[in-house]
Amino acid sequence: MPSERPTLGEHIMTERILSAVDECLDWALGLDPPVAVDVDALLFLLMTHRDAGAPDPGDWTTADVHDIARTVRDWDRVPDRLRDTWLTWCDHLVDRGGLLSCESPRRLRAAIAAVDLTPGGRAADPVEPADEAALPLLNRLGVGEDGDPDPLPPILPAAPEDLAAARACPPLAEAARLAAWVGEGRPLDPALPHDALAREDTDSAADALGVAPQEVHRILRVAREAGLLRSTYTRVLPGRAARAWAAGDPGAAADAWADALLAMTGSRGMTAFLLLTDLFVCGRPRTPEQLVEVYGPGVALGRCPDGPADHVRSVLDTLVALGAVERVGTGGFRVTRLGDHFAVRQLRHSGADVRLTPPLERMEAEHVLALLERGRPVDTEDLMARWTATRDARDAARELLDASAEPRAWHRRNLVAAALADLRADLTPVLRMYVHHPVLGGWARRLRGTHTEPPTSHQVVWAVLDSYAILVESGRPLPDRDRERYAGCAEQLTRTMWLTGHPAAETVLDRLADGALGEPLAEAARRVRPVSC
């Protein structure tokens, strides 16, 4: 049986790995003295890293180190000099600024140096409760190990003004001030195992920021996670996001906010991630109790003397203060546009397929209607009114009518008719163009106020069938007012229904033949066609 062909993503990742190996070899040969790199060991390491789900060869954390070590311990034999090669790779990333995660280079190198790589070594670590809680959601999004992905609907992207709000987040603004104080770089304290400024610099930074010296380490961590600062083994330097932040780019500010969000929640990062991800996926308000029901009590880490719901509420309050979540109604919480930005960035980084619609002002009518049909409530709320406000009313009407002309799109036509009726604009020149359209004509006539004509024309009857199809699909009765309204023209109405070719005509005629609107229409429907068995 032939092996499966690699996907485009796997091919691109393999190309990145080969390129990364070449870069590491060039860097090692340029050292004084040069360092020999075991190419086989490096390829083994980076391929294993990729297979574990890493999105890039330079994206390493201490958790990745332990994940790779667990894989290595399951092998009968591992490449010689694997640890030395791994340490060289770490040195290369740190020296070249290629470490994409915000992991401390010191902690990363120490983890590589100490981790057990003995085949058949100690057993895997037990699954944490929060990890267990996350598995169903990760599987649904297609980034877990099991389950079939349930595709997310397209997501309405945040507007520039929503993204710009990231700069007002107090902990991030504080981190930006620290980054400005650091300037071109400061030394790290060599006496400490973690990244921290030297004592004198810590005191100076605290004075400059107006905070206590013990707060500087927390602010430094946020700045590093945001990409405003990065560290080597010995120094803290401007990060990858520093220049774009200084330029005032709203997108860069939102990216920095998203990258630092979990750090800004303190020790509640994993719970915050789970809560935000569910609020993002469902797109509607949830109470703390509902979120505990979604995940189980494992979503609340640590001791919860007052119960998991109170812990969840406390984390949600923190996310509200950071701009990721907003309070809605009585006790409800809903994701904000900034929170959406975080979730999209994190889930894409994890390999989930998250698609965005065009921005509101660039959306076509088809995008709007598709989003209204399948989108999250947070995206569809007032969407039609917001979209029509971005363009001329007659242009909007023309686009919406054209996008709802497919014969089976009766829900769309009903929605479009309601939206056009709400525009309070003179649409007569547009509607006049559609009155003879075989699918849209009846709706155009309704909107023009001429729907009181006898239901004998193809166009008028098609609109009647659209309305009835919606009721039949939902299991609701046909409108009782139509008994007398159509009794006098039952023969013509039912014959025209049969001749329209409307996809729901047979189903509606069956309902009429069963007496849904009285005997005159039932007899006429039976004469038009036999009742389905």
Protein backbone atom coordinates (compact mmCIF):
# COMPACT_ATOMS: atom_id res chain seq x y z
CA MET A 1 0.00 0.00 0.00
CA PRO A 2 1.55 3.34 -1.01
CA SER A 3 2.49 5.71 1.78
CA GLU A 4 0.54 8.92 2.21
CA ARG A 5 1.96 11.97 0.50
CA PRO A 6 3.13 14.71 2.86
CA THR A 7 0.82 17.67 3.24
CA LEU A 8 1.84 21.15 2.11
CA GLY A 9 2.35 22.15 5.77
CA GLU A 10 4.62 19.15 6.40
CA HIS A 11 6.61 19.91 3.25
CA ILE A 12 7.07 23.56 4.28
CA MET A 13 8.09 22.50 7.81
CA THR A 14 10.63 20.02 6.39
CA GLU A 15 12.09 22.77 4.22
CA ARG A 16 12.36 25.00 7.30
CA ILE A 17 14.16 22.23 9.19
CA LEU A 18 16.71 21.70 6.42
CA SER A 19 17.29 25.44 6.18
CA ALA A 20 17.65 25.66 9.98
CA VAL A 21 20.24 22.87 9.98
CA ASP A 22 22.28 24.70 7.32
CA GLU A 23 22.14 27.93 9.33
CA CYS A 24 23.27 26.13 12.49
CA LEU A 25 26.19 24.49 10.67
CA ASP A 26 27.31 27.84 9.23
CA TRP A 27 27.06 29.47 12.65
CA ALA A 28 29.02 26.66 14.36
CA LEU A 29 31.80 26.78 11.77
CA GLY A 30 32.12 30.53 12.30
CA LEU A 31 32.86 30.18 16.02
CA ASP A 32 36.35 30.48 17.39
CA PRO A 33 37.18 27.68 17.73
CA PRO A 34 34.63 26.03 15.37
CA VAL A 35 32.16 23.59 16.92
CA ALA A 36 31.38 20.27 15.25
CA VAL A 37 27.64 19.55 14.86
CA ASP A 38 26.30 16.02 14.48
CA VAL A 39 23.94 16.52 11.54
CA ASP A 40 22.12 13.21 12.05
CA ALA A 41 21.48 14.02 15.70
CA LEU A 42 20.26 17.53 14.83
CA LEU A 43 17.90 16.24 12.15
CA PHE A 44 16.57 13.61 14.56
CA LEU A 45 16.00 16.30 17.19
CA LEU A 46 14.21 18.77 14.91
CA MET A 47 12.11 16.11 13.18
CA THR A 48 10.99 14.76 16.56
CA HIS A 49 10.22 18.33 17.63
CA ARG A 50 8.10 18.77 14.48
CA ASP A 51 6.28 15.48 15.00
CA ALA A 52 5.41 16.60 18.54
CA GLY A 53 3.48 19.53 17.03
CA ALA A 54 6.04 22.35 17.02
CA PRO A 55 5.11 25.03 14.47
CA ASP A 56 8.71 26.13 13.84
CA PRO A 57 12.23 24.74 14.47
CA GLY A 58 13.02 27.77 16.63
CA ASP A 59 9.97 27.51 18.87
CA TRP A 60 11.24 25.79 22.05
CA THR A 61 10.12 25.79 25.67
CA THR A 62 11.15 23.71 28.67
CA ALA A 63 7.88 21.78 28.22
CA ASP A 64 9.08 20.85 24.71
CA VAL A 65 12.35 19.60 26.21
CA HIS A 66 10.50 17.21 28.50
CA ASP A 67 8.13 16.13 25.70
CA ILE A 68 11.07 15.25 23.44
CA ALA A 69 12.82 13.48 26.32
CA ARG A 70 9.76 11.28 26.88
CA THR A 71 9.85 10.33 23.21
CA VAL A 72 13.57 9.60 23.38
CA ARG A 73 13.14 7.35 26.41
CA ASP A 74 10.70 5.21 24.44
CA TRP A 75 13.33 4.49 21.77
CA ASP A 76 15.71 1.52 21.90
CA ARG A 77 18.59 3.69 20.74
CA VAL A 78 19.14 7.40 20.25
CA PRO A 79 21.80 9.23 18.22
CA ASP A 80 25.19 9.66 19.84
CA ARG A 81 25.98 13.16 21.06
CA LEU A 82 22.27 14.04 21.10
CA ARG A 83 22.57 16.18 24.23
CA ASP A 84 25.68 18.01 22.99
CA THR A 85 23.95 18.67 19.68
CA TRP A 86 20.84 19.87 21.48
CA LEU A 87 22.86 22.31 23.59
CA THR A 88 24.64 23.61 20.48
CA TRP A 89 21.28 24.14 18.80
CA CYS A 90 20.08 26.08 21.86
CA ASP A 91 23.23 28.25 21.84
CA HIS A 92 22.71 28.92 18.13
CA LEU A 93 19.09 30.06 18.64
CA VAL A 94 20.00 32.31 21.56
CA ASP A 95 23.01 33.86 19.88
CA ARG A 96 21.20 34.54 16.60
CA GLY A 97 17.96 35.75 18.20
CA GLY A 98 16.16 32.77 16.71
CA LEU A 99 14.43 31.51 19.85
CA LEU A 100 10.82 32.25 18.94
CA SER A 101 9.26 31.41 22.28
CA CYS A 102 9.58 33.66 25.30
CA GLU A 103 11.24 30.93 27.28
CA SER A 104 14.22 31.99 29.39
CA PRO A 105 17.37 30.88 27.50
CA ARG A 106 18.99 30.05 30.84
CA ARG A 107 16.09 27.82 31.88
CA LEU A 108 15.92 26.21 28.45
CA ARG A 109 19.61 25.34 28.40
CA ALA A 110 19.51 24.08 31.98
CA ALA A 111 16.57 21.82 31.13
CA ILE A 112 18.39 20.36 28.11
CA ALA A 113 21.50 19.76 30.20
CA ALA A 114 19.62 17.97 32.98
CA VAL A 115 16.77 16.06 31.33
CA ASP A 116 16.89 12.25 31.37
CA LEU A 117 17.60 10.90 27.85
CA THR A 118 18.19 7.28 28.85
CA PRO A 119 16.18 4.82 26.71
CA GLY A 120 13.69 3.05 28.95
CA GLY A 121 14.09 5.73 31.63
CA ARG A 122 11.46 6.93 34.07
CA ALA A 123 7.79 6.77 33.17
CA ALA A 124 5.85 9.62 31.62
CA ASP A 125 4.48 12.30 33.88
CA PRO A 126 0.80 11.96 34.85
CA VAL A 127 -1.74 14.02 32.95
CA GLU A 128 -2.59 17.23 34.77
CA PRO A 129 -6.28 17.90 35.55
CA ALA A 130 -6.32 21.02 33.36
CA ASP A 131 -4.75 19.07 30.50
CA GLU A 132 -7.49 16.47 30.88
CA ALA A 133 -10.09 19.24 30.81
CA ALA A 134 -8.59 20.68 27.63
CA LEU A 135 -8.52 17.44 25.60
CA PRO A 136 -12.13 17.48 24.29
CA LEU A 137 -11.80 21.07 23.11
CA LEU A 138 -8.40 20.48 21.51
CA ASN A 139 -9.73 17.39 19.73
CA ARG A 140 -12.69 19.37 18.45
CA LEU A 141 -10.36 22.00 17.02
CA GLY A 142 -8.22 19.37 15.33
CA VAL A 143 -5.08 19.95 17.41
CA GLY A 144 -5.53 17.06 19.84
CA GLU A 145 -4.51 13.47 19.33
CA ASP A 146 -8.01 12.05 18.87
CA GLY A 147 -11.39 13.03 17.55
CA ASP A 148 -12.64 14.52 14.31
CA PRO A 149 -12.24 18.29 13.96
CA ASP A 150 -15.47 20.27 14.00
CA PRO A 151 -14.63 23.23 11.75
CA LEU A 152 -15.10 26.64 13.24
CA PRO A 153 -17.21 29.12 11.28
CA PRO A 154 -15.35 32.06 9.74
CA ILE A 155 -14.49 34.66 12.38
CA LEU A 156 -15.10 38.38 11.95
CA PRO A 157 -11.70 40.03 12.51
CA ALA A 158 -11.16 42.78 15.02
CA ALA A 159 -11.28 46.31 13.66
CA PRO A 160 -8.19 48.56 13.98
CA GLU A 161 -9.83 50.50 16.82
CA ASP A 162 -10.39 47.23 18.69
CA LEU A 163 -6.75 46.26 18.23
CA ALA A 164 -5.54 49.71 19.29
CA ALA A 165 -7.19 49.18 22.69
CA ALA A 166 -4.33 46.80 23.53
CA ARG A 167 -2.02 49.75 24.18
CA ALA A 168 -4.28 50.87 27.02
CA CYS A 169 -3.90 47.60 28.93
CA PRO A 170 -2.12 48.71 32.16
CA PRO A 171 0.27 45.74 32.61
CA LEU A 172 1.30 45.89 28.94
CA ALA A 173 1.80 49.66 29.04
CA GLU A 174 3.95 49.12 32.14
CA ALA A 175 6.00 46.51 30.26
CA ALA A 176 6.47 48.93 27.37
CA ARG A 177 7.82 51.55 29.76
CA LEU A 178 10.32 49.01 31.10
CA ALA A 179 11.39 48.16 27.55
CA ALA A 180 11.96 51.84 26.86
CA TRP A 181 14.03 52.10 30.04
CA VAL A 182 16.15 49.07 29.05
CA GLY A 183 16.98 50.78 25.76
CA GLU A 184 19.68 48.96 23.81
CA GLY A 185 20.29 46.43 26.57
CA ARG A 186 21.10 45.72 30.21
CA PRO A 187 23.03 42.91 31.93
CA LEU A 188 21.24 40.04 33.65
CA ASP A 189 22.13 39.13 37.21
CA PRO A 190 24.68 36.27 36.86
CA ALA A 191 24.05 35.07 40.40
CA LEU A 192 20.44 34.08 39.75
CA PRO A 193 19.23 30.98 37.84
CA HIS A 194 16.37 32.87 36.19
CA ASP A 195 16.30 36.01 34.04
CA ALA A 196 16.46 39.08 36.25
CA LEU A 197 18.09 42.47 36.05
CA ALA A 198 21.10 43.14 38.23
CA ARG A 199 20.18 44.48 41.65
CA GLU A 200 21.28 48.04 40.86
CA ASP A 201 19.31 48.06 37.61
CA THR A 202 16.30 46.56 39.35
CA ASP A 203 16.25 49.44 41.83
CA SER A 204 16.74 52.00 39.04
CA ALA A 205 13.99 50.48 36.93
CA ALA A 206 11.63 50.44 39.92
CA ASP A 207 12.27 54.16 40.50
CA ALA A 208 11.69 54.93 36.81
CA LEU A 209 8.41 53.00 36.72
CA GLY A 210 7.19 54.06 40.13
CA VAL A 211 6.83 50.50 41.43
CA ALA A 212 8.37 48.42 44.19
CA PRO A 213 11.62 46.62 43.22
CA GLN A 214 9.98 43.21 43.69
CA GLU A 215 7.49 44.12 40.93
CA VAL A 216 10.20 44.54 38.29
CA HIS A 217 10.64 40.81 37.70
CA ARG A 218 6.91 40.43 36.94
CA ILE A 219 6.99 43.37 34.54
CA LEU A 220 10.13 41.98 32.89
CA ARG A 221 8.37 38.68 32.30
CA VAL A 222 5.40 40.43 30.65
CA ALA A 223 7.75 42.47 28.45
CA ARG A 224 9.56 39.31 27.36
CA GLU A 225 6.33 37.44 26.62
CA ALA A 226 5.07 40.42 24.62
CA GLY A 227 8.24 40.44 22.53
CA LEU A 228 9.15 43.93 23.71
CA LEU A 229 12.31 42.50 25.29
CA ARG A 230 14.31 39.31 24.77
CA SER A 231 17.17 37.82 26.70
CA THR A 232 20.36 35.97 25.99
CA TYR A 233 22.31 34.05 28.63
CA THR A 234 23.79 37.29 29.95
CA ARG A 235 21.77 40.29 28.75
CA VAL A 236 18.28 41.61 28.17
CA LEU A 237 17.84 43.24 24.75
CA PRO A 238 15.08 44.86 22.62
CA GLY A 239 12.63 42.19 21.42
CA ARG A 240 11.11 41.40 18.05
CA ALA A 241 8.05 43.59 18.71
CA ALA A 242 9.86 46.63 20.11
CA ARG A 243 10.20 48.56 16.85
CA ALA A 244 6.58 48.02 15.70
CA TRP A 245 5.30 48.96 19.16
CA ALA A 246 7.30 52.18 19.09
CA ALA A 247 5.83 52.94 15.63
CA GLY A 248 2.30 52.72 17.05
CA ASP A 249 1.13 49.87 14.80
CA PRO A 250 -2.28 48.68 16.20
CA GLY A 251 -1.78 45.17 14.86
CA ALA A 252 1.65 44.88 16.46
CA ALA A 253 0.27 46.16 19.77
CA ALA A 254 -2.52 43.58 19.67
CA ASP A 255 -0.03 40.81 18.85
CA ALA A 256 2.14 41.83 21.78
CA TRP A 257 -0.92 41.92 24.04
CA ALA A 258 -2.02 38.47 22.88
CA ASP A 259 1.44 36.98 23.36
CA ALA A 260 1.65 38.38 26.90
CA LEU A 261 -1.95 37.81 27.98
CA LEU A 262 -1.43 34.55 29.87
CA ALA A 263 1.60 35.99 31.65
CA MET A 264 -0.47 39.01 32.65
CA THR A 265 -2.98 36.70 34.36
CA GLY A 266 -0.26 35.57 36.77
CA SER A 267 -0.42 31.95 37.85
CA ARG A 268 -3.84 31.44 36.25
CA GLY A 269 -2.64 31.17 32.67
CA MET A 270 -3.86 27.66 31.86
CA THR A 271 -7.32 28.27 33.27
CA ALA A 272 -7.49 31.62 31.45
CA PHE A 273 -6.55 29.92 28.18
CA LEU A 274 -9.27 27.30 28.55
CA LEU A 275 -11.95 29.82 29.49
CA LEU A 276 -11.06 32.19 26.67
CA THR A 277 -10.91 29.41 24.12
CA ASP A 278 -14.40 28.17 24.98
CA LEU A 279 -15.82 31.70 24.98
CA PHE A 280 -14.19 32.23 21.59
CA VAL A 281 -15.50 29.00 20.09
CA CYS A 282 -19.09 29.36 21.34
CA GLY A 283 -19.24 33.13 20.76
CA ARG A 284 -21.97 33.70 23.32
CA PRO A 285 -22.05 34.73 27.00
CA ARG A 286 -21.47 32.02 29.59
CA THR A 287 -21.64 32.09 33.36
CA PRO A 288 -18.84 30.63 35.51
CA GLU A 289 -21.11 27.69 36.33
CA GLN A 290 -21.63 26.95 32.64
CA LEU A 291 -17.89 27.04 32.00
CA VAL A 292 -17.26 24.58 34.82
CA GLU A 293 -19.91 22.34 33.26
CA VAL A 294 -18.13 22.55 29.88
CA TYR A 295 -14.72 21.53 31.21
CA GLY A 296 -15.37 19.84 34.50
CA PRO A 297 -13.80 20.87 37.84
CA GLY A 298 -10.29 20.35 36.41
CA VAL A 299 -10.51 23.78 34.78
CA ALA A 300 -9.97 25.34 38.22
CA LEU A 301 -6.38 24.65 39.20
CA GLY A 302 -5.22 24.38 42.78
CA ARG A 303 -7.33 24.43 45.90
CA CYS A 304 -10.79 25.98 45.55
CA PRO A 305 -12.30 26.22 49.02
CA ASP A 306 -15.34 28.07 47.67
CA GLY A 307 -15.80 25.73 44.69
CA PRO A 308 -14.52 25.78 41.08
CA ALA A 309 -17.15 28.27 39.88
CA ASP A 310 -15.82 30.98 42.24
CA HIS A 311 -12.28 30.32 41.03
CA VAL A 312 -13.44 30.58 37.42
CA ARG A 313 -15.28 33.83 38.21
CA SER A 314 -12.10 35.26 39.71
CA VAL A 315 -10.10 34.39 36.57
CA LEU A 316 -12.81 35.91 34.38
CA ASP A 317 -12.66 39.12 36.44
CA THR A 318 -8.94 39.24 35.73
CA LEU A 319 -9.59 38.79 32.01
CA VAL A 320 -12.15 41.60 32.11
CA ALA A 321 -9.54 43.92 33.62
CA LEU A 322 -7.11 42.95 30.84
CA GLY A 323 -9.64 43.60 28.05
CA ALA A 324 -10.08 39.99 26.88
CA VAL A 325 -13.59 39.44 28.25
CA GLU A 326 -16.61 41.67 28.94
CA ARG A 327 -19.51 41.28 31.34
CA VAL A 328 -22.90 40.72 29.72
CA GLY A 329 -26.27 40.65 31.45
CA THR A 330 -26.53 39.10 34.89
CA GLY A 331 -23.46 37.02 35.64
CA GLY A 332 -22.50 36.37 32.00
CA PHE A 333 -19.09 36.83 30.38
CA ARG A 334 -18.36 37.14 26.65
CA VAL A 335 -15.14 37.31 24.65
CA THR A 336 -14.14 40.73 23.29
CA ARG A 337 -12.60 41.45 19.89
CA LEU A 338 -9.21 41.57 21.58
CA GLY A 339 -9.98 38.23 23.17
CA ASP A 340 -10.83 36.91 19.72
CA HIS A 341 -7.46 38.15 18.48
CA PHE A 342 -5.72 36.22 21.24
CA ALA A 343 -7.63 33.02 20.48
CA VAL A 344 -7.03 33.20 16.73
CA ARG A 345 -3.32 33.77 17.26
CA GLN A 346 -2.95 31.00 19.83
CA LEU A 347 -5.04 28.41 17.98
CA ARG A 348 -3.33 29.04 14.65
CA HIS A 349 -0.01 28.69 16.42
CA SER A 350 -1.24 25.31 17.70
CA GLY A 351 -2.18 24.17 14.20
CA ALA A 352 -5.95 24.75 14.28
CA ASP A 353 -7.66 25.91 11.09
CA VAL A 354 -9.12 29.30 11.98
CA ARG A 355 -10.46 31.28 9.04
CA LEU A 356 -11.23 35.00 9.09
CA THR A 357 -13.80 36.86 7.04
CA PRO A 358 -12.75 40.06 5.26
CA PRO A 359 -13.06 43.20 7.41
CA LEU A 360 -16.62 44.50 7.66
CA GLU A 361 -16.16 47.34 5.17
CA ARG A 362 -14.70 44.92 2.57
CA MET A 363 -17.25 42.13 3.05
CA GLU A 364 -19.45 41.21 0.12
CA ALA A 365 -23.11 40.33 0.61
CA GLU A 366 -22.27 36.63 0.27
CA HIS A 367 -19.84 36.91 3.22
CA VAL A 368 -22.48 38.66 5.32
CA LEU A 369 -25.23 36.15 4.60
CA ALA A 370 -22.94 33.15 5.10
CA LEU A 371 -21.80 34.56 8.44
CA LEU A 372 -25.39 35.20 9.53
CA GLU A 373 -26.22 31.58 8.67
CA ARG A 374 -23.27 29.88 10.35
CA GLY A 375 -21.44 32.47 12.43
CA ARG A 376 -21.00 32.89 16.16
CA PRO A 377 -23.58 35.06 17.95
CA VAL A 378 -20.88 37.59 18.87
CA ASP A 379 -20.19 38.06 15.14
CA THR A 380 -23.78 38.07 13.90
CA GLU A 381 -25.19 40.52 16.45
CA ASP A 382 -26.31 43.63 14.49
CA LEU A 383 -24.10 42.45 11.60
CA MET A 384 -26.58 43.36 8.85
CA ALA A 385 -27.16 46.86 10.22
CA ARG A 386 -23.42 47.43 10.64
CA TRP A 387 -22.68 46.17 7.13
CA THR A 388 -25.41 48.18 5.36
CA ALA A 389 -24.17 51.30 7.17
CA THR A 390 -20.86 50.97 5.31
CA ARG A 391 -22.37 51.35 1.80
CA ASP A 392 -25.11 53.03 -0.23
CA ALA A 393 -28.54 51.55 0.58
CA ARG A 394 -29.40 50.76 -3.05
CA ASP A 395 -26.03 49.10 -3.65
CA ALA A 396 -26.55 47.04 -0.50
CA ALA A 397 -30.04 46.01 -1.64
CA ARG A 398 -28.79 44.92 -5.06
CA GLU A 399 -25.92 42.91 -3.58
CA LEU A 400 -28.15 41.20 -1.01
CA LEU A 401 -30.82 40.25 -3.53
CA ASP A 402 -28.26 38.83 -5.96
CA ALA A 403 -26.67 36.79 -3.16
CA SER A 404 -30.03 35.20 -2.23
CA ALA A 405 -31.19 34.07 -5.69
CA GLU A 406 -30.32 30.38 -5.26
CA PRO A 407 -33.66 28.49 -5.33
CA ARG A 408 -33.12 26.72 -1.98
CA ALA A 409 -32.00 29.90 -0.16
CA TRP A 410 -35.44 30.73 1.26
CA HIS A 411 -34.00 31.52 4.69
CA ARG A 412 -31.69 34.05 3.05
CA ARG A 413 -34.51 35.67 1.13
CA ASN A 414 -36.60 36.00 4.27
CA LEU A 415 -33.64 37.54 6.11
CA VAL A 416 -32.82 39.91 3.21
CA ALA A 417 -36.42 41.07 2.95
CA ALA A 418 -36.46 41.95 6.66
CA ALA A 419 -33.15 43.76 6.37
CA LEU A 420 -34.23 45.80 3.33
CA ALA A 421 -37.49 46.72 5.04
CA ASP A 422 -35.44 48.13 7.92
CA LEU A 423 -33.28 50.33 5.69
CA ARG A 424 -35.91 53.08 5.51
CA ALA A 425 -34.62 54.11 2.12
CA ASP A 426 -36.34 54.47 -1.25
CA LEU A 427 -35.39 51.20 -2.92
CA THR A 428 -37.99 51.47 -5.69
CA PRO A 429 -35.44 51.81 -8.55
CA VAL A 430 -33.70 48.63 -7.39
CA LEU A 431 -36.81 46.60 -6.60
CA ARG A 432 -38.33 47.48 -9.99
CA MET A 433 -35.44 45.60 -11.60
CA TYR A 434 -36.37 42.36 -9.79
CA VAL A 435 -40.19 42.18 -9.92
CA HIS A 436 -40.11 39.69 -12.82
CA HIS A 437 -37.21 37.62 -11.46
CA PRO A 438 -38.41 33.99 -11.14
CA VAL A 439 -37.03 33.57 -7.60
CA LEU A 440 -36.78 37.11 -6.21
CA GLY A 441 -39.77 38.71 -7.93
CA GLY A 442 -42.34 37.93 -5.25
CA TRP A 443 -40.11 39.32 -2.52
CA ALA A 444 -39.45 42.47 -4.56
CA ARG A 445 -43.20 42.94 -4.95
CA ARG A 446 -43.72 42.47 -1.20
CA LEU A 447 -41.11 45.11 -0.47
CA ARG A 448 -42.76 47.46 -2.97
CA GLY A 449 -46.11 46.95 -1.23
CA THR A 450 -47.77 45.10 -4.14
CA HIS A 451 -47.92 41.68 -2.47
CA THR A 452 -51.71 41.95 -2.05
CA GLU A 453 -52.25 40.92 -5.69
CA PRO A 454 -53.85 37.44 -6.16
CA PRO A 455 -51.30 34.65 -5.62
CA THR A 456 -51.50 33.31 -9.16
CA SER A 457 -48.25 34.56 -10.70
CA HIS A 458 -45.10 32.47 -10.57
CA GLN A 459 -43.20 35.16 -8.67
CA VAL A 460 -45.80 35.73 -5.96
CA VAL A 461 -46.36 32.02 -5.41
CA TRP A 462 -42.60 31.38 -5.18
CA ALA A 463 -42.43 33.86 -2.27
CA VAL A 464 -45.38 32.12 -0.60
CA LEU A 465 -43.61 28.79 -0.95
CA ASP A 466 -40.43 30.31 0.54
CA SER A 467 -42.40 31.42 3.62
CA TYR A 468 -44.15 28.07 3.94
CA ALA A 469 -40.89 26.14 3.51
CA ILE A 470 -39.41 27.93 6.51
CA LEU A 471 -42.44 27.03 8.63
CA VAL A 472 -42.50 23.39 7.51
CA GLU A 473 -38.76 22.96 8.18
CA SER A 474 -39.16 24.21 11.73
CA GLY A 475 -42.26 22.09 12.39
CA ARG A 476 -44.53 25.11 12.80
CA PRO A 477 -48.10 25.33 11.41
CA LEU A 478 -48.88 27.24 8.25
CA PRO A 479 -50.48 30.68 8.95
CA ASP A 480 -54.16 30.26 9.80
CA ARG A 481 -54.98 33.64 8.23
CA ASP A 482 -54.27 32.13 4.81
CA ARG A 483 -57.28 29.76 5.03
CA GLU A 484 -59.78 32.37 3.90
CA ARG A 485 -57.24 34.43 1.99
CA TYR A 486 -56.48 31.63 -0.46
CA ALA A 487 -59.70 29.58 -0.37
CA GLY A 488 -61.20 31.47 -3.30
CA CYS A 489 -58.17 30.83 -5.54
CA ALA A 490 -57.20 27.39 -4.25
CA GLU A 491 -57.14 25.76 -7.68
CA GLN A 492 -54.96 28.43 -9.25
CA LEU A 493 -52.65 28.67 -6.21
CA THR A 494 -51.94 24.95 -5.92
CA ARG A 495 -51.50 24.51 -9.69
CA THR A 496 -49.03 27.41 -9.78
CA MET A 497 -47.18 25.92 -6.79
CA TRP A 498 -46.80 22.66 -8.71
CA LEU A 499 -45.59 24.42 -11.86
CA THR A 500 -43.01 26.71 -10.20
CA GLY A 501 -40.44 23.96 -9.73
CA HIS A 502 -39.79 25.30 -6.23
CA PRO A 503 -37.69 22.75 -4.25
CA ALA A 504 -40.24 22.73 -1.41
CA ALA A 505 -43.38 22.64 -3.57
CA GLU A 506 -44.08 18.92 -3.11
CA THR A 507 -43.63 19.09 0.66
CA VAL A 508 -45.91 22.11 0.97
CA LEU A 509 -48.56 20.56 -1.26
CA ASP A 510 -48.48 17.42 0.91
CA ARG A 511 -49.10 19.60 3.94
CA LEU A 512 -51.98 21.39 2.21
CA ALA A 513 -53.45 18.06 1.02
CA ASP A 514 -53.47 16.93 4.65
CA GLY A 515 -55.74 19.87 5.47
CA ALA A 516 -53.25 22.28 7.02
CA LEU A 517 -55.20 25.27 5.64
CA GLY A 518 -58.68 23.86 5.29
CA GLU A 519 -60.66 21.69 2.89
CA PRO A 520 -60.74 23.91 -0.25
CA LEU A 521 -56.94 24.03 -0.42
CA ALA A 522 -56.72 20.34 0.56
CA GLU A 523 -59.01 19.26 -2.31
CA ALA A 524 -57.12 21.45 -4.78
CA ALA A 525 -53.75 20.06 -3.64
CA ARG A 526 -55.00 16.48 -4.00
CA ARG A 527 -56.18 17.15 -7.55
CA VAL A 528 -52.82 18.69 -8.48
CA ARG A 529 -50.81 15.64 -7.36
CA PRO A 530 -51.26 12.50 -5.24
CA VAL A 531 -50.44 12.74 -1.55
CA SER A 532 -46.98 11.27 -0.81
CA CYS A 533 -46.94 8.05 1.23
